[in-house]
Amino acid sequence: MSKRLNLRDFQQNLSNRLREEAASSRHITTLGVQVASEFWLVDMVDISEVLPVVKSTVLPMSKSWVVGMVNVRGNLYCVADIAAFLGKGRVSGEMHNRMLLVADQHQFNAALLVEKVLGLRDTERWHFDAGKGCYVDEQGVKWHKLDVSGLLGQAEFLQIGV
C-alpha cells in the first residue's frame, strides 16, 4: 500500500519550512510569487499560510476579482484574484495556483489568489530601480513588491460588492 499524503500536514510542514528558512541566519523574509505574467515579492510576515486552491462559494453581487469564500479549518476567507484586481487578467485555474492567507496581524480574513509560488527570494544583492518602483534580480528580471498592508487599506479592495 502506498503511503498516503495528509494535505493538512503537508501544508503545515511547508509553512513551517518557509518560516524556518525566513528565520535562518540569512534572514530571507520575502516570498516570490507570480501574478499573471509578472513576478512579485510578498513579505513573509504578511502571510500566515500558502494553500492550494480549494473550491469556493461564489458571492453574488461581488466584484469580478472576488473569486468567492472558502472555509479553512472553520474560518471563512474572502478569496481575491490579485491579477484581476490589478487589471492584469485572471489566474489560469491550473494546479499550480495558490492562495496566500493574510496573516492574523492584519485582522482580515482574506486569501490572495496568485498564479504560482516561486519560493523564497533574497533581494539583498538585487538592484532597486526607484524610477520603476521594482527590484531587478541578477538575470534582469523585474520583481514588484506587493504591499499587503497598503492593499488592505485601499477602499477599492475592501468594497467587494458591485
N, C-alpha and C. Protein backbone atom coordinates (compact mmCIF):
# COMPACT_ATOMS: atom_id res chain seq x y z
N MET A 1 0.85 -1.18 0.00
CA MET A 1 0.00 0.00 0.00
C MET A 1 0.89 1.24 0.00
N SER A 2 0.59 2.17 -0.86
CA SER A 2 1.40 3.40 -0.93
C SER A 2 1.11 4.28 0.27
N LYS A 3 2.10 5.05 0.61
CA LYS A 3 1.96 5.98 1.74
C LYS A 3 0.99 7.09 1.37
N ARG A 4 0.00 7.35 2.20
CA ARG A 4 -0.99 8.39 1.94
C ARG A 4 -0.45 9.72 2.42
N LEU A 5 -0.75 10.74 1.67
CA LEU A 5 -0.29 12.08 1.98
C LEU A 5 -1.43 12.86 2.63
N ASN A 6 -1.19 13.34 3.82
CA ASN A 6 -2.17 14.17 4.52
C ASN A 6 -1.92 15.61 4.10
N LEU A 7 -2.86 16.19 3.38
CA LEU A 7 -2.68 17.53 2.82
C LEU A 7 -2.46 18.57 3.91
N ARG A 8 -3.18 18.48 5.00
CA ARG A 8 -3.02 19.45 6.09
C ARG A 8 -1.60 19.38 6.65
N ASP A 9 -1.11 18.16 6.89
CA ASP A 9 0.25 18.00 7.41
C ASP A 9 1.28 18.52 6.42
N PHE A 10 1.05 18.24 5.14
CA PHE A 10 1.97 18.71 4.10
C PHE A 10 2.04 20.23 4.08
N GLN A 11 0.88 20.90 4.13
CA GLN A 11 0.85 22.36 4.09
C GLN A 11 1.46 22.96 5.34
N GLN A 12 1.20 22.33 6.50
CA GLN A 12 1.78 22.83 7.74
C GLN A 12 3.30 22.67 7.71
N ASN A 13 3.76 21.54 7.19
CA ASN A 13 5.19 21.29 7.08
C ASN A 13 5.83 22.32 6.14
N LEU A 14 5.18 22.59 5.01
CA LEU A 14 5.69 23.58 4.06
C LEU A 14 5.74 24.96 4.70
N SER A 15 4.67 25.32 5.41
CA SER A 15 4.63 26.62 6.08
C SER A 15 5.73 26.72 7.13
N ASN A 16 5.92 25.65 7.90
CA ASN A 16 6.98 25.65 8.91
C ASN A 16 8.36 25.77 8.28
N ARG A 17 8.58 25.07 7.17
CA ARG A 17 9.88 25.14 6.49
C ARG A 17 10.14 26.54 5.95
N LEU A 18 9.10 27.18 5.39
CA LEU A 18 9.26 28.54 4.88
C LEU A 18 9.59 29.51 6.01
N ARG A 19 8.92 29.35 7.14
CA ARG A 19 9.20 30.22 8.29
C ARG A 19 10.60 29.97 8.85
N GLU A 20 11.01 28.70 8.91
CA GLU A 20 12.36 28.38 9.39
C GLU A 20 13.41 28.99 8.47
N GLU A 21 13.18 28.88 7.18
CA GLU A 21 14.13 29.46 6.23
C GLU A 21 14.18 30.98 6.40
N ALA A 22 13.01 31.58 6.62
CA ALA A 22 12.97 33.03 6.82
C ALA A 22 13.69 33.44 8.10
N ALA A 23 13.68 32.57 9.08
CA ALA A 23 14.32 32.89 10.36
C ALA A 23 15.79 32.47 10.40
N SER A 24 16.28 31.90 9.31
CA SER A 24 17.67 31.44 9.29
C SER A 24 18.62 32.63 9.35
N SER A 25 19.90 32.31 9.42
CA SER A 25 20.91 33.36 9.56
C SER A 25 20.91 34.34 8.40
N ARG A 26 20.45 33.91 7.24
CA ARG A 26 20.42 34.80 6.08
C ARG A 26 19.24 35.76 6.12
N HIS A 27 18.26 35.47 6.94
CA HIS A 27 17.09 36.33 7.13
C HIS A 27 16.36 36.65 5.82
N ILE A 28 16.14 35.63 5.02
CA ILE A 28 15.35 35.81 3.82
C ILE A 28 13.89 35.82 4.24
N THR A 29 13.22 36.94 4.07
CA THR A 29 11.85 37.08 4.55
C THR A 29 10.88 37.43 3.44
N THR A 30 11.26 37.14 2.22
CA THR A 30 10.43 37.53 1.08
C THR A 30 10.08 36.30 0.24
N LEU A 31 8.81 36.16 -0.08
CA LEU A 31 8.32 35.06 -0.90
C LEU A 31 8.07 35.58 -2.31
N GLY A 32 8.58 34.87 -3.29
CA GLY A 32 8.34 35.23 -4.69
C GLY A 32 7.09 34.53 -5.20
N VAL A 33 6.23 35.29 -5.87
CA VAL A 33 5.01 34.73 -6.46
C VAL A 33 4.85 35.28 -7.87
N GLN A 34 4.07 34.57 -8.65
CA GLN A 34 3.75 35.05 -9.99
C GLN A 34 2.30 35.50 -10.00
N VAL A 35 2.08 36.72 -10.47
CA VAL A 35 0.74 37.28 -10.63
C VAL A 35 0.62 37.61 -12.12
N ALA A 36 -0.28 36.88 -12.80
CA ALA A 36 -0.37 36.94 -14.27
C ALA A 36 1.01 36.57 -14.81
N SER A 37 1.61 37.41 -15.62
CA SER A 37 2.94 37.09 -16.15
C SER A 37 4.04 37.87 -15.44
N GLU A 38 3.69 38.53 -14.35
CA GLU A 38 4.66 39.35 -13.61
C GLU A 38 5.12 38.64 -12.34
N PHE A 39 6.29 39.05 -11.87
CA PHE A 39 6.85 38.48 -10.65
C PHE A 39 6.72 39.49 -9.52
N TRP A 40 6.28 39.01 -8.37
CA TRP A 40 6.01 39.86 -7.23
C TRP A 40 6.68 39.29 -5.98
N LEU A 41 6.96 40.16 -5.04
CA LEU A 41 7.54 39.80 -3.75
C LEU A 41 6.54 40.11 -2.65
N VAL A 42 6.39 39.16 -1.72
CA VAL A 42 5.48 39.34 -0.59
C VAL A 42 6.28 39.07 0.68
N ASP A 43 6.19 39.98 1.64
CA ASP A 43 6.86 39.77 2.92
C ASP A 43 6.20 38.60 3.64
N MET A 44 7.03 37.71 4.17
CA MET A 44 6.52 36.52 4.86
C MET A 44 5.69 36.89 6.09
N VAL A 45 5.97 38.03 6.72
CA VAL A 45 5.20 38.42 7.90
C VAL A 45 3.76 38.79 7.54
N ASP A 46 3.50 39.03 6.26
CA ASP A 46 2.16 39.42 5.82
C ASP A 46 1.26 38.24 5.49
N ILE A 47 1.83 37.04 5.42
CA ILE A 47 1.02 35.87 5.10
C ILE A 47 1.20 34.81 6.19
N SER A 48 0.12 34.09 6.47
CA SER A 48 0.20 33.06 7.50
C SER A 48 0.35 31.67 6.91
N GLU A 49 -0.13 31.50 5.68
CA GLU A 49 -0.12 30.17 5.10
C GLU A 49 -0.24 30.25 3.59
N VAL A 50 0.33 29.24 2.92
CA VAL A 50 0.19 29.10 1.48
C VAL A 50 -0.57 27.80 1.26
N LEU A 51 -1.69 27.89 0.53
CA LEU A 51 -2.55 26.72 0.32
C LEU A 51 -2.85 26.53 -1.16
N PRO A 52 -3.08 25.27 -1.55
CA PRO A 52 -3.60 25.06 -2.90
C PRO A 52 -5.02 25.64 -2.98
N VAL A 53 -5.46 25.92 -4.16
CA VAL A 53 -6.79 26.49 -4.33
C VAL A 53 -7.83 25.41 -4.04
N VAL A 54 -8.81 25.78 -3.23
CA VAL A 54 -9.92 24.87 -2.92
C VAL A 54 -11.20 25.47 -3.51
N LYS A 55 -12.19 24.61 -3.65
CA LYS A 55 -13.47 25.06 -4.20
C LYS A 55 -14.04 26.17 -3.31
N SER A 56 -14.47 27.23 -3.94
CA SER A 56 -15.01 28.36 -3.20
C SER A 56 -16.50 28.51 -3.48
N THR A 57 -17.16 29.19 -2.57
CA THR A 57 -18.58 29.52 -2.72
C THR A 57 -18.66 30.90 -3.35
N VAL A 58 -19.35 30.98 -4.46
CA VAL A 58 -19.49 32.24 -5.19
C VAL A 58 -20.28 33.24 -4.36
N LEU A 59 -19.84 34.48 -4.37
CA LEU A 59 -20.54 35.55 -3.67
C LEU A 59 -21.32 36.37 -4.70
N PRO A 60 -22.65 36.31 -4.66
CA PRO A 60 -23.42 37.09 -5.61
C PRO A 60 -23.21 38.59 -5.39
N MET A 61 -23.33 39.34 -6.44
CA MET A 61 -23.23 40.80 -6.39
C MET A 61 -21.86 41.27 -5.91
N SER A 62 -20.81 40.51 -6.23
CA SER A 62 -19.46 40.92 -5.85
C SER A 62 -18.68 41.32 -7.09
N LYS A 63 -17.58 42.00 -6.88
CA LYS A 63 -16.74 42.46 -7.98
C LYS A 63 -16.14 41.27 -8.72
N SER A 64 -15.73 41.49 -9.96
CA SER A 64 -15.24 40.40 -10.80
C SER A 64 -13.96 39.76 -10.28
N TRP A 65 -13.18 40.46 -9.50
CA TRP A 65 -11.93 39.92 -8.98
C TRP A 65 -12.12 39.12 -7.69
N VAL A 66 -13.34 39.11 -7.15
CA VAL A 66 -13.64 38.31 -5.96
C VAL A 66 -14.03 36.91 -6.44
N VAL A 67 -13.21 35.93 -6.09
CA VAL A 67 -13.43 34.55 -6.51
C VAL A 67 -14.55 33.91 -5.70
N GLY A 68 -14.61 34.22 -4.41
CA GLY A 68 -15.64 33.67 -3.55
C GLY A 68 -15.15 33.55 -2.12
N MET A 69 -15.82 32.70 -1.35
CA MET A 69 -15.46 32.46 0.04
C MET A 69 -15.02 31.01 0.18
N VAL A 70 -14.00 30.79 1.03
CA VAL A 70 -13.55 29.44 1.34
C VAL A 70 -13.52 29.26 2.85
N ASN A 71 -13.70 28.03 3.27
CA ASN A 71 -13.63 27.67 4.67
C ASN A 71 -12.29 26.97 4.89
N VAL A 72 -11.43 27.57 5.72
CA VAL A 72 -10.14 26.98 6.06
C VAL A 72 -10.16 26.70 7.56
N ARG A 73 -10.29 25.43 7.90
CA ARG A 73 -10.33 24.99 9.29
C ARG A 73 -11.31 25.79 10.15
N GLY A 74 -12.50 26.00 9.61
CA GLY A 74 -13.56 26.67 10.36
C GLY A 74 -13.58 28.19 10.25
N ASN A 75 -12.63 28.78 9.54
CA ASN A 75 -12.59 30.22 9.34
C ASN A 75 -12.91 30.55 7.89
N LEU A 76 -13.76 31.54 7.67
CA LEU A 76 -14.12 31.94 6.32
C LEU A 76 -13.16 33.01 5.81
N TYR A 77 -12.72 32.83 4.56
CA TYR A 77 -11.80 33.77 3.92
C TYR A 77 -12.39 34.20 2.59
N CYS A 78 -12.32 35.50 2.32
CA CYS A 78 -12.72 36.03 1.03
C CYS A 78 -11.51 35.90 0.10
N VAL A 79 -11.69 35.25 -1.04
CA VAL A 79 -10.59 34.99 -1.98
C VAL A 79 -10.59 36.06 -3.06
N ALA A 80 -9.45 36.75 -3.19
CA ALA A 80 -9.30 37.81 -4.18
C ALA A 80 -8.26 37.39 -5.22
N ASP A 81 -8.64 37.43 -6.48
CA ASP A 81 -7.71 37.17 -7.58
C ASP A 81 -6.90 38.45 -7.79
N ILE A 82 -5.65 38.43 -7.36
CA ILE A 82 -4.82 39.64 -7.40
C ILE A 82 -4.59 40.11 -8.83
N ALA A 83 -4.41 39.19 -9.77
CA ALA A 83 -4.21 39.58 -11.17
C ALA A 83 -5.43 40.35 -11.68
N ALA A 84 -6.62 39.85 -11.37
CA ALA A 84 -7.85 40.53 -11.82
C ALA A 84 -8.01 41.87 -11.12
N PHE A 85 -7.67 41.94 -9.82
CA PHE A 85 -7.77 43.20 -9.10
C PHE A 85 -6.85 44.25 -9.71
N LEU A 86 -5.65 43.83 -10.11
CA LEU A 86 -4.68 44.76 -10.70
C LEU A 86 -4.93 45.02 -12.19
N GLY A 87 -5.95 44.38 -12.75
CA GLY A 87 -6.28 44.57 -14.17
C GLY A 87 -5.29 43.89 -15.11
N LYS A 88 -4.74 42.76 -14.69
CA LYS A 88 -3.74 42.06 -15.49
C LYS A 88 -4.22 40.70 -15.96
N GLY A 89 -5.52 40.48 -15.99
CA GLY A 89 -6.07 39.19 -16.39
C GLY A 89 -6.61 38.44 -15.20
N ARG A 90 -6.63 37.12 -15.31
CA ARG A 90 -7.14 36.27 -14.24
C ARG A 90 -6.17 35.10 -14.06
N VAL A 91 -6.27 34.44 -12.90
CA VAL A 91 -5.45 33.24 -12.71
C VAL A 91 -5.90 32.18 -13.70
N SER A 92 -4.99 31.28 -14.02
CA SER A 92 -5.24 30.30 -15.07
C SER A 92 -6.18 29.16 -14.67
N GLY A 93 -6.32 28.91 -13.37
CA GLY A 93 -7.13 27.78 -12.93
C GLY A 93 -6.35 26.48 -12.97
N GLU A 94 -5.03 26.56 -13.09
CA GLU A 94 -4.17 25.39 -13.14
C GLU A 94 -3.87 24.87 -11.74
N MET A 95 -3.28 23.69 -11.68
CA MET A 95 -2.95 23.05 -10.41
C MET A 95 -1.92 23.85 -9.59
N HIS A 96 -1.09 24.65 -10.24
CA HIS A 96 -0.04 25.38 -9.52
C HIS A 96 -0.54 26.69 -8.90
N ASN A 97 -1.79 27.08 -9.11
CA ASN A 97 -2.33 28.28 -8.47
C ASN A 97 -2.33 28.08 -6.96
N ARG A 98 -2.13 29.18 -6.22
CA ARG A 98 -2.07 29.10 -4.77
C ARG A 98 -2.83 30.26 -4.13
N MET A 99 -3.28 30.02 -2.90
CA MET A 99 -3.91 31.05 -2.09
C MET A 99 -2.95 31.40 -0.96
N LEU A 100 -2.73 32.70 -0.78
CA LEU A 100 -1.91 33.19 0.32
C LEU A 100 -2.86 33.75 1.37
N LEU A 101 -2.90 33.12 2.54
CA LEU A 101 -3.77 33.62 3.59
C LEU A 101 -3.09 34.80 4.27
N VAL A 102 -3.81 35.90 4.38
CA VAL A 102 -3.28 37.11 5.01
C VAL A 102 -3.08 36.82 6.50
N ALA A 103 -1.94 37.25 7.04
CA ALA A 103 -1.59 36.99 8.43
C ALA A 103 -2.60 37.60 9.39
N ASP A 104 -2.75 36.95 10.54
CA ASP A 104 -3.71 37.38 11.56
C ASP A 104 -3.46 38.81 12.04
N GLN A 105 -2.23 39.27 11.99
CA GLN A 105 -1.90 40.61 12.48
C GLN A 105 -2.68 41.70 11.73
N HIS A 106 -3.09 41.41 10.51
CA HIS A 106 -3.84 42.39 9.72
C HIS A 106 -5.32 42.40 10.04
N GLN A 107 -5.78 41.38 10.74
CA GLN A 107 -7.18 41.26 11.17
C GLN A 107 -8.17 41.28 10.01
N PHE A 108 -7.76 40.66 8.90
CA PHE A 108 -8.63 40.48 7.74
C PHE A 108 -8.59 39.02 7.34
N ASN A 109 -9.73 38.41 7.14
CA ASN A 109 -9.77 37.05 6.63
C ASN A 109 -9.82 37.11 5.12
N ALA A 110 -8.65 37.29 4.54
CA ALA A 110 -8.54 37.39 3.09
C ALA A 110 -7.53 36.38 2.60
N ALA A 111 -7.80 35.83 1.42
CA ALA A 111 -6.88 34.93 0.74
C ALA A 111 -6.56 35.57 -0.61
N LEU A 112 -5.28 35.72 -0.89
CA LEU A 112 -4.84 36.33 -2.14
C LEU A 112 -4.49 35.23 -3.13
N LEU A 113 -5.21 35.16 -4.23
CA LEU A 113 -5.02 34.13 -5.23
C LEU A 113 -3.93 34.56 -6.20
N VAL A 114 -2.90 33.71 -6.35
CA VAL A 114 -1.79 34.01 -7.26
C VAL A 114 -1.61 32.85 -8.24
N GLU A 115 -0.92 33.13 -9.33
CA GLU A 115 -0.69 32.10 -10.35
C GLU A 115 0.15 30.95 -9.81
N LYS A 116 1.28 31.29 -9.18
CA LYS A 116 2.11 30.25 -8.55
C LYS A 116 3.07 30.86 -7.56
N VAL A 117 3.52 30.04 -6.64
CA VAL A 117 4.53 30.44 -5.66
C VAL A 117 5.88 30.01 -6.20
N LEU A 118 6.84 30.93 -6.18
CA LEU A 118 8.16 30.67 -6.75
C LEU A 118 9.24 30.43 -5.70
N GLY A 119 8.88 30.51 -4.44
CA GLY A 119 9.83 30.23 -3.37
C GLY A 119 10.40 31.49 -2.76
N LEU A 120 11.26 31.29 -1.78
CA LEU A 120 11.89 32.41 -1.08
C LEU A 120 12.88 33.11 -1.99
N ARG A 121 12.96 34.43 -1.85
CA ARG A 121 13.87 35.23 -2.67
C ARG A 121 14.69 36.13 -1.78
N ASP A 122 15.98 36.17 -2.04
CA ASP A 122 16.92 37.01 -1.31
C ASP A 122 17.19 38.25 -2.16
N THR A 123 16.63 39.37 -1.76
CA THR A 123 16.75 40.60 -2.54
C THR A 123 17.97 41.43 -2.15
N GLU A 124 18.77 40.92 -1.24
CA GLU A 124 19.90 41.68 -0.72
C GLU A 124 20.87 42.15 -1.82
N ARG A 125 21.11 41.31 -2.82
CA ARG A 125 22.05 41.68 -3.89
C ARG A 125 21.34 42.23 -5.13
N TRP A 126 20.05 42.38 -5.05
CA TRP A 126 19.31 42.89 -6.20
C TRP A 126 19.37 44.40 -6.24
N HIS A 127 19.18 44.94 -7.44
CA HIS A 127 19.15 46.39 -7.64
C HIS A 127 17.70 46.86 -7.52
N PHE A 128 17.48 47.94 -6.77
CA PHE A 128 16.15 48.53 -6.70
C PHE A 128 16.10 49.70 -7.68
N ASP A 129 15.22 49.61 -8.66
CA ASP A 129 15.03 50.66 -9.67
C ASP A 129 13.95 51.61 -9.15
N ALA A 130 14.35 52.71 -8.55
CA ALA A 130 13.41 53.65 -7.94
C ALA A 130 12.47 54.26 -8.99
N GLY A 131 12.95 54.46 -10.20
CA GLY A 131 12.12 55.04 -11.26
C GLY A 131 10.94 54.16 -11.63
N LYS A 132 11.16 52.86 -11.63
CA LYS A 132 10.10 51.91 -11.98
C LYS A 132 9.45 51.30 -10.75
N GLY A 133 10.04 51.54 -9.58
CA GLY A 133 9.48 51.03 -8.34
C GLY A 133 9.54 49.52 -8.22
N CYS A 134 10.61 48.91 -8.72
CA CYS A 134 10.72 47.46 -8.65
C CYS A 134 12.17 47.03 -8.45
N TYR A 135 12.33 45.79 -8.01
CA TYR A 135 13.65 45.19 -7.88
C TYR A 135 14.02 44.53 -9.20
N VAL A 136 15.31 44.45 -9.46
CA VAL A 136 15.81 43.75 -10.64
C VAL A 136 16.82 42.72 -10.15
N ASP A 137 16.56 41.44 -10.45
CA ASP A 137 17.45 40.38 -9.96
C ASP A 137 18.68 40.22 -10.86
N GLU A 138 19.51 39.22 -10.55
CA GLU A 138 20.77 39.01 -11.28
C GLU A 138 20.56 38.70 -12.75
N GLN A 139 19.40 38.13 -13.11
CA GLN A 139 19.10 37.81 -14.50
C GLN A 139 18.36 38.94 -15.23
N GLY A 140 18.17 40.06 -14.56
CA GLY A 140 17.48 41.19 -15.17
C GLY A 140 15.97 41.13 -15.08
N VAL A 141 15.45 40.18 -14.30
CA VAL A 141 14.00 40.03 -14.13
C VAL A 141 13.50 41.07 -13.14
N LYS A 142 12.39 41.72 -13.49
CA LYS A 142 11.79 42.74 -12.62
C LYS A 142 10.83 42.08 -11.63
N TRP A 143 10.95 42.49 -10.37
CA TRP A 143 10.10 41.99 -9.29
C TRP A 143 9.43 43.18 -8.61
N HIS A 144 8.10 43.17 -8.59
CA HIS A 144 7.32 44.21 -7.92
C HIS A 144 7.08 43.79 -6.47
N LYS A 145 6.88 44.74 -5.61
CA LYS A 145 6.62 44.47 -4.19
C LYS A 145 5.12 44.57 -3.94
N LEU A 146 4.53 43.52 -3.38
CA LEU A 146 3.12 43.54 -3.02
C LEU A 146 3.00 44.03 -1.58
N ASP A 147 2.49 45.22 -1.42
CA ASP A 147 2.31 45.82 -0.10
C ASP A 147 0.95 45.39 0.44
N VAL A 148 0.95 44.33 1.25
CA VAL A 148 -0.29 43.77 1.76
C VAL A 148 -1.02 44.78 2.65
N SER A 149 -0.29 45.47 3.52
CA SER A 149 -0.94 46.48 4.37
C SER A 149 -1.59 47.57 3.52
N GLY A 150 -0.88 48.03 2.51
CA GLY A 150 -1.43 49.05 1.62
C GLY A 150 -2.65 48.55 0.86
N LEU A 151 -2.59 47.28 0.42
CA LEU A 151 -3.70 46.68 -0.29
C LEU A 151 -4.94 46.63 0.60
N LEU A 152 -4.74 46.20 1.84
CA LEU A 152 -5.86 46.10 2.79
C LEU A 152 -6.38 47.46 3.22
N GLY A 153 -5.62 48.51 2.98
CA GLY A 153 -6.05 49.86 3.31
C GLY A 153 -6.78 50.56 2.18
N GLN A 154 -6.82 49.94 1.01
CA GLN A 154 -7.49 50.55 -0.14
C GLN A 154 -9.00 50.33 -0.06
N ALA A 155 -9.75 51.41 -0.16
CA ALA A 155 -11.21 51.32 -0.12
C ALA A 155 -11.72 50.44 -1.26
N GLU A 156 -11.08 50.52 -2.43
CA GLU A 156 -11.50 49.72 -3.58
C GLU A 156 -11.37 48.23 -3.29
N PHE A 157 -10.33 47.83 -2.58
CA PHE A 157 -10.13 46.42 -2.24
C PHE A 157 -11.11 45.96 -1.17
N LEU A 158 -11.41 46.84 -0.23
CA LEU A 158 -12.30 46.48 0.87
C LEU A 158 -13.76 46.44 0.45
N GLN A 159 -14.14 47.17 -0.58
CA GLN A 159 -15.52 47.19 -1.06
C GLN A 159 -15.67 46.14 -2.14
N ILE A 160 -16.10 44.93 -1.75
CA ILE A 160 -16.17 43.83 -2.71
C ILE A 160 -17.49 43.76 -3.46
N GLY A 161 -18.50 44.51 -3.02
CA GLY A 161 -19.79 44.49 -3.68
C GLY A 161 -19.84 45.41 -4.88
N VAL A 162 -20.67 45.04 -5.86
CA VAL A 162 -20.83 45.88 -7.05
C VAL A 162 -21.85 46.96 -6.82
